[in-house]
Amino acid sequence: MSISDASLTALRVLRAVAERGTLGAAAASLGYTQSAVSRQIASLERAAGTPLVERHHSGVRLTPAGQVVLRTASAVIDRIDATARELSGLPEERAVVRLGWFASAGAALIPRALAALSRSHPGITVLSREGSTSALVRALRAGTVDLAVVASSTPFRALDCESPPLLVDTLTERSLRIAVPAEHALARGDSIDIADLHGQRWIGGIGNDRVFGVWPGLDERPEVAHFARDWLAKLQMVAAGLGITTLPAALSAAVPAGVRVLPVRGGPQERRRIQLARLPQPPTEPMARLAEALRAAALDTDATLT
């Protein structure tokens, strides 16, 4: 048995595992049981004659051989899907770009870029979805998104350790800010001294086993009164006077009434980058046009925040 005997189902399962990061999440996305996913991976490994995934504490990771099979699998799946569309009488979707973006980019950057692209290049269709930076990086590797707008914080590191390295373009870099109720004592000036953050009630969120929403590096154990994953919910809690939270500068244009967004003085400045990532291969024309629209929208957003 050789890899040429691998089934299309097994190839789709491998791509789902690479994108989702766990067998359970891959099974849920495909509508399979986890044992069925495990059997498909095992059959693919027998065909390849080598392990394709390795287990670790937080899920699974593709081996170097798995990455090689994944690249071929993605090309085969995309080609078969295009053939199926053609046989169904549907036009081949050459002008479709699949875009992934992290949560706060959807407040201003993504809508602005997509609206501009629809005006300048109406023939390009963008299919987009939100995800965490780590999930979007896996999706890039799996070939299920073409471009990903991701977030990076200090100290800035590579998005992953896979080879070949992703191509990453920094769209903007700005300091982290604080969102406070408009009637709060901290809202009286044009900035907040870092010493005044002590003893505050925070509204936080959890992602990748980390607590977000609290100013990094505070020399005290912060009081996190509320947790929320959704940015809008967190900002509405701030507006209601329930606490304060950190805020990426990109979200400043989307805050509700009753909230002030201020920079912090003193201590190390916490920087956040918004980056555009893709696989290291020549982009299609639609991908290049979308990248241009994202860069222009980032410049426009920066101008409104200055």
Protein backbone atom coordinates (compact mmCIF):
# COMPACT_ATOMS: atom_id res chain seq x y z
CA MET A 1 0.00 0.00 0.00
CA SER A 2 1.29 3.48 -0.88
CA ILE A 3 0.18 7.07 -0.36
CA SER A 4 -1.32 7.00 -3.86
CA ASP A 5 -3.94 4.60 -2.44
CA ALA A 6 -5.12 7.15 0.14
CA SER A 7 -8.82 8.00 0.01
CA LEU A 8 -10.17 11.50 -0.48
CA THR A 9 -11.98 11.15 2.85
CA ALA A 10 -8.70 10.47 4.64
CA LEU A 11 -7.10 13.50 2.99
CA ARG A 12 -9.99 15.71 4.09
CA VAL A 13 -9.66 14.35 7.62
CA LEU A 14 -5.93 15.14 7.68
CA ARG A 15 -6.62 18.70 6.57
CA ALA A 16 -9.30 19.13 9.23
CA VAL A 17 -6.95 17.80 11.93
CA ALA A 18 -4.21 20.18 10.79
CA GLU A 19 -6.58 23.14 10.90
CA ARG A 20 -8.46 22.34 14.13
CA GLY A 21 -5.50 21.15 16.17
CA THR A 22 -7.32 18.27 17.92
CA LEU A 23 -8.98 15.07 16.77
CA GLY A 24 -12.16 16.00 18.61
CA ALA A 25 -12.45 19.41 16.96
CA ALA A 26 -11.73 17.90 13.55
CA ALA A 27 -14.41 15.27 14.12
CA ALA A 28 -16.96 17.93 15.12
CA SER A 29 -16.22 20.04 12.04
CA LEU A 30 -16.68 17.05 9.72
CA GLY A 31 -19.64 15.49 11.50
CA TYR A 32 -17.68 12.31 12.32
CA THR A 33 -16.95 10.55 15.57
CA GLN A 34 -13.47 10.95 17.02
CA SER A 35 -12.80 7.24 16.57
CA ALA A 36 -13.67 7.56 12.86
CA VAL A 37 -11.16 10.40 12.53
CA SER A 38 -8.53 8.30 14.30
CA ARG A 39 -9.18 5.38 11.90
CA GLN A 40 -8.82 7.64 8.85
CA ILE A 41 -5.53 9.05 10.14
CA ALA A 42 -4.28 5.54 10.89
CA SER A 43 -5.15 4.38 7.36
CA LEU A 44 -3.36 7.37 5.89
CA GLU A 45 -0.28 6.66 8.01
CA ARG A 46 -0.25 3.04 6.83
CA ALA A 47 -0.43 4.25 3.25
CA ALA A 48 2.38 6.76 3.82
CA GLY A 49 4.46 4.27 5.77
CA THR A 50 5.31 6.84 8.44
CA PRO A 51 3.60 8.77 11.27
CA LEU A 52 1.81 11.88 10.04
CA VAL A 53 0.61 13.32 13.38
CA GLU A 54 2.08 13.40 16.86
CA ARG A 55 0.14 13.84 20.09
CA HIS A 56 1.08 16.50 22.63
CA HIS A 57 -0.51 17.97 25.74
CA SER A 58 -2.82 20.39 23.93
CA GLY A 59 -3.79 18.33 20.89
CA VAL A 60 -2.04 17.01 17.81
CA ARG A 61 0.61 18.39 15.50
CA LEU A 62 1.60 17.26 12.02
CA THR A 63 5.01 15.68 11.64
CA PRO A 64 7.33 16.86 8.81
CA ALA A 65 5.97 13.97 6.73
CA GLY A 66 2.46 15.06 7.64
CA GLN A 67 3.19 18.56 6.39
CA VAL A 68 4.35 17.12 3.05
CA VAL A 69 1.19 15.03 2.70
CA LEU A 70 -0.95 18.00 3.77
CA ARG A 71 0.40 20.22 0.96
CA THR A 72 -0.51 17.59 -1.61
CA ALA A 73 -3.84 16.87 0.09
CA SER A 74 -4.87 20.53 -0.02
CA ALA A 75 -4.05 20.80 -3.72
CA VAL A 76 -5.95 17.58 -4.51
CA ILE A 77 -9.02 18.58 -2.47
CA ASP A 78 -9.17 22.07 -4.01
CA ARG A 79 -8.84 20.62 -7.53
CA ILE A 80 -11.54 18.02 -6.96
CA ASP A 81 -13.88 20.61 -5.45
CA ALA A 82 -13.30 22.85 -8.49
CA THR A 83 -14.06 19.92 -10.80
CA ALA A 84 -17.26 19.19 -8.90
CA ARG A 85 -18.38 22.80 -9.37
CA GLU A 86 -17.61 22.62 -13.08
CA LEU A 87 -19.56 19.39 -13.51
CA SER A 88 -22.48 20.97 -11.67
CA GLY A 89 -22.52 23.77 -14.22
CA LEU A 90 -21.19 26.36 -11.77
CA PRO A 91 -18.38 28.70 -12.80
CA GLU A 92 -14.96 27.93 -11.37
CA GLU A 93 -14.31 30.34 -8.52
CA ARG A 94 -10.98 31.78 -9.63
CA ALA A 95 -11.80 35.18 -8.11
CA VAL A 96 -12.60 33.86 -4.64
CA VAL A 97 -10.27 34.65 -1.73
CA ARG A 98 -10.65 33.01 1.67
CA LEU A 99 -9.76 35.42 4.46
CA GLY A 100 -9.37 34.76 8.16
CA TRP A 101 -9.24 37.50 10.78
CA PHE A 102 -8.91 37.78 14.55
CA ALA A 103 -11.76 39.24 16.57
CA SER A 104 -10.89 42.92 17.04
CA ALA A 105 -9.89 43.31 13.36
CA GLY A 106 -13.58 42.91 12.55
CA ALA A 107 -14.51 46.16 14.29
CA ALA A 108 -13.12 48.51 11.66
CA LEU A 109 -10.25 47.15 9.56
CA ILE A 110 -11.99 44.22 7.85
CA PRO A 111 -15.30 45.98 6.99
CA ARG A 112 -13.40 48.99 5.65
CA ALA A 113 -11.10 46.87 3.50
CA LEU A 114 -13.85 44.64 2.10
CA ALA A 115 -16.11 47.59 1.29
CA ALA A 116 -13.28 49.31 -0.59
CA LEU A 117 -12.40 46.11 -2.47
CA SER A 118 -16.02 45.57 -3.53
CA ARG A 119 -16.03 49.07 -5.05
CA SER A 120 -12.66 48.79 -6.82
CA HIS A 121 -12.83 45.11 -7.85
CA PRO A 122 -16.46 43.92 -7.82
CA GLY A 123 -15.49 40.66 -9.53
CA ILE A 124 -13.57 39.46 -6.48
CA THR A 125 -15.52 37.49 -3.89
CA VAL A 126 -14.11 37.34 -0.37
CA LEU A 127 -15.25 34.59 1.97
CA SER A 128 -14.18 35.50 5.49
CA ARG A 129 -14.32 34.06 8.96
CA GLU A 130 -13.21 35.01 12.45
CA GLY A 131 -10.76 32.93 14.47
CA SER A 132 -8.00 33.13 17.02
CA THR A 133 -4.51 33.84 15.72
CA SER A 134 -3.36 30.28 16.47
CA ALA A 135 -6.39 28.80 14.69
CA LEU A 136 -5.85 31.04 11.65
CA VAL A 137 -2.20 30.03 11.42
CA ARG A 138 -3.26 26.38 11.39
CA ALA A 139 -5.86 27.19 8.71
CA LEU A 140 -3.17 28.79 6.55
CA ARG A 141 -1.01 25.69 6.88
CA ALA A 142 -4.01 23.48 6.10
CA GLY A 143 -4.88 25.52 3.01
CA THR A 144 -8.39 26.43 4.16
CA VAL A 145 -7.71 30.18 4.18
CA ASP A 146 -5.55 32.10 1.71
CA LEU A 147 -4.79 35.17 3.83
CA ALA A 148 -5.00 35.73 7.57
CA VAL A 149 -5.11 38.98 9.52
CA VAL A 150 -3.58 38.04 12.87
CA ALA A 151 -2.47 39.71 16.10
CA SER A 152 0.94 39.69 17.73
CA SER A 153 2.10 41.18 21.03
CA THR A 154 5.44 41.91 22.64
CA PRO A 155 7.84 40.17 22.60
CA PHE A 156 7.16 39.67 18.89
CA ARG A 157 7.91 36.14 17.76
CA ALA A 158 7.33 34.02 14.67
CA LEU A 159 3.71 32.95 14.29
CA ASP A 160 4.73 29.29 14.34
CA CYS A 161 7.78 27.07 14.09
CA GLU A 162 6.78 25.21 10.94
CA SER A 163 8.79 25.18 7.73
CA PRO A 164 8.76 26.97 5.38
CA PRO A 165 8.14 30.15 7.39
CA LEU A 166 4.96 32.10 6.70
CA LEU A 167 5.27 35.42 4.90
CA VAL A 168 4.17 38.12 7.35
CA ASP A 169 3.52 41.80 6.60
CA THR A 170 2.88 44.21 9.48
CA LEU A 171 -0.19 46.29 8.69
CA THR A 172 -0.02 48.46 11.79
CA GLU A 173 1.57 48.60 15.24
CA ARG A 174 0.10 50.59 18.10
CA SER A 175 0.13 50.71 21.89
CA LEU A 176 -2.44 48.88 23.97
CA ARG A 177 -5.00 51.22 25.56
CA ILE A 178 -7.47 51.24 28.45
CA ALA A 179 -11.25 51.53 28.12
CA VAL A 180 -12.88 53.20 31.14
CA PRO A 181 -16.40 54.41 31.93
CA ALA A 182 -16.84 58.04 30.87
CA GLU A 183 -17.72 59.01 34.46
CA HIS A 184 -14.77 57.14 35.99
CA ALA A 185 -12.06 59.08 37.83
CA LEU A 186 -9.49 57.73 35.34
CA ALA A 187 -11.43 59.36 32.47
CA ARG A 188 -10.74 62.92 33.62
CA GLY A 189 -7.42 63.34 31.79
CA ASP A 190 -6.04 62.56 28.35
CA SER A 191 -4.01 59.57 29.57
CA ILE A 192 -3.73 57.22 32.54
CA ASP A 193 -0.67 56.87 34.75
CA ILE A 194 0.27 53.22 35.20
CA ALA A 195 0.33 53.68 38.99
CA ASP A 196 -3.38 54.58 38.89
CA LEU A 197 -4.23 51.12 37.53
CA HIS A 198 -3.58 49.57 40.93
CA GLY A 199 -6.69 48.47 42.79
CA GLN A 200 -8.99 48.69 39.76
CA ARG A 201 -11.75 46.21 38.94
CA TRP A 202 -11.10 44.57 35.57
CA ILE A 203 -13.23 42.97 32.89
CA GLY A 204 -11.26 40.15 31.33
CA GLY A 205 -11.43 37.41 28.76
CA ILE A 206 -9.71 34.06 28.35
CA GLY A 207 -7.95 32.77 25.27
CA ASN A 208 -5.16 30.21 24.76
CA ASP A 209 -5.08 29.67 28.55
CA ARG A 210 -4.27 33.32 29.14
CA VAL A 211 -6.26 36.08 30.78
CA PHE A 212 -6.79 39.11 28.55
CA GLY A 213 -8.23 42.47 29.47
CA VAL A 214 -5.87 43.21 32.38
CA TRP A 215 -2.89 45.52 31.84
CA PRO A 216 0.16 43.22 31.41
CA GLY A 217 2.85 43.26 34.06
CA LEU A 218 0.90 44.83 36.93
CA ASP A 219 2.82 44.24 40.18
CA GLU A 220 -0.29 43.05 42.03
CA ARG A 221 -2.87 40.33 41.72
CA PRO A 222 -5.65 42.09 39.80
CA GLU A 223 -9.31 41.84 40.70
CA VAL A 224 -11.08 40.47 37.63
CA ALA A 225 -14.77 41.00 38.36
CA HIS A 226 -16.21 39.76 35.06
CA PHE A 227 -15.11 37.54 32.19
CA ALA A 228 -16.45 37.87 28.65
CA ARG A 229 -15.19 36.52 25.32
CA ASP A 230 -17.04 39.02 23.16
CA TRP A 231 -15.47 42.49 22.80
CA LEU A 232 -18.86 44.18 22.50
CA ALA A 233 -19.99 42.59 25.77
CA LYS A 234 -16.81 43.74 27.52
CA LEU A 235 -17.23 47.31 26.26
CA GLN A 236 -20.89 47.39 27.27
CA MET A 237 -19.84 46.28 30.75
CA VAL A 238 -17.35 49.16 30.83
CA ALA A 239 -20.08 51.57 29.74
CA ALA A 240 -22.26 50.27 32.58
CA GLY A 241 -19.53 51.13 35.07
CA LEU A 242 -18.72 47.50 35.98
CA GLY A 243 -14.98 47.79 35.48
CA ILE A 244 -12.21 48.71 33.06
CA THR A 245 -10.45 46.67 30.38
CA THR A 246 -7.52 46.81 28.01
CA LEU A 247 -8.36 47.55 24.39
CA PRO A 248 -6.47 47.19 21.11
CA ALA A 249 -6.21 50.59 19.45
CA ALA A 250 -8.00 49.15 16.39
CA LEU A 251 -11.19 48.91 18.44
CA SER A 252 -11.18 52.55 19.53
CA ALA A 253 -13.40 53.53 16.62
CA ALA A 254 -16.07 51.03 17.67
CA VAL A 255 -16.57 51.85 21.36
CA PRO A 256 -20.12 52.54 22.53
CA ALA A 257 -21.28 55.75 24.17
CA GLY A 258 -20.22 56.10 27.76
CA VAL A 259 -16.70 54.74 27.22
CA ARG A 260 -13.40 56.62 26.96
CA VAL A 261 -10.29 55.00 25.49
CA LEU A 262 -6.99 56.36 26.82
CA PRO A 263 -3.26 55.60 26.52
CA VAL A 264 -1.18 54.60 29.53
CA ARG A 265 1.86 56.56 30.74
CA GLY A 266 4.78 55.05 32.61
CA GLY A 267 6.27 51.56 32.56
CA PRO A 268 7.02 49.53 29.42
CA GLN A 269 4.70 50.31 26.55
CA GLU A 270 2.63 47.33 25.52
CA ARG A 271 2.60 47.13 21.73
CA ARG A 272 0.22 45.22 19.48
CA ARG A 273 0.77 44.41 15.82
CA ILE A 274 -1.85 43.61 13.24
CA GLN A 275 -0.21 41.41 10.62
CA LEU A 276 -1.16 39.88 7.29
CA ALA A 277 0.12 36.33 6.86
CA ARG A 278 0.13 33.86 4.00
CA LEU A 279 2.00 30.83 2.75
CA PRO A 280 5.31 31.52 0.97
CA GLN A 281 4.10 31.11 -2.59
CA PRO A 282 3.14 33.65 -5.25
CA PRO A 283 -0.30 35.13 -4.44
CA THR A 284 -3.11 35.04 -6.96
CA GLU A 285 -4.25 38.36 -8.43
CA PRO A 286 -7.37 38.46 -6.20
CA MET A 287 -5.20 37.77 -3.12
CA ALA A 288 -2.87 40.62 -4.09
CA ARG A 289 -5.79 43.03 -4.55
CA LEU A 290 -7.24 42.08 -1.16
CA ALA A 291 -3.85 42.55 0.49
CA GLU A 292 -3.65 46.04 -1.03
CA ALA A 293 -7.12 46.88 0.31
CA LEU A 294 -6.14 45.68 3.80
CA ARG A 295 -2.97 47.80 3.80
CA ALA A 296 -4.91 50.88 2.70
CA ALA A 297 -7.60 50.28 5.32
CA ALA A 298 -4.93 49.91 8.01
CA LEU A 299 -3.45 53.29 7.03
CA ASP A 300 -6.92 54.89 7.09
CA THR A 301 -7.68 53.38 10.49
CA ASP A 302 -4.37 54.60 11.86
CA ALA A 303 -5.12 58.12 10.59
CA THR A 304 -8.42 58.19 12.47
CA LEU A 305 -6.69 57.13 15.70
CA THR A 306 -3.85 59.60 15.57
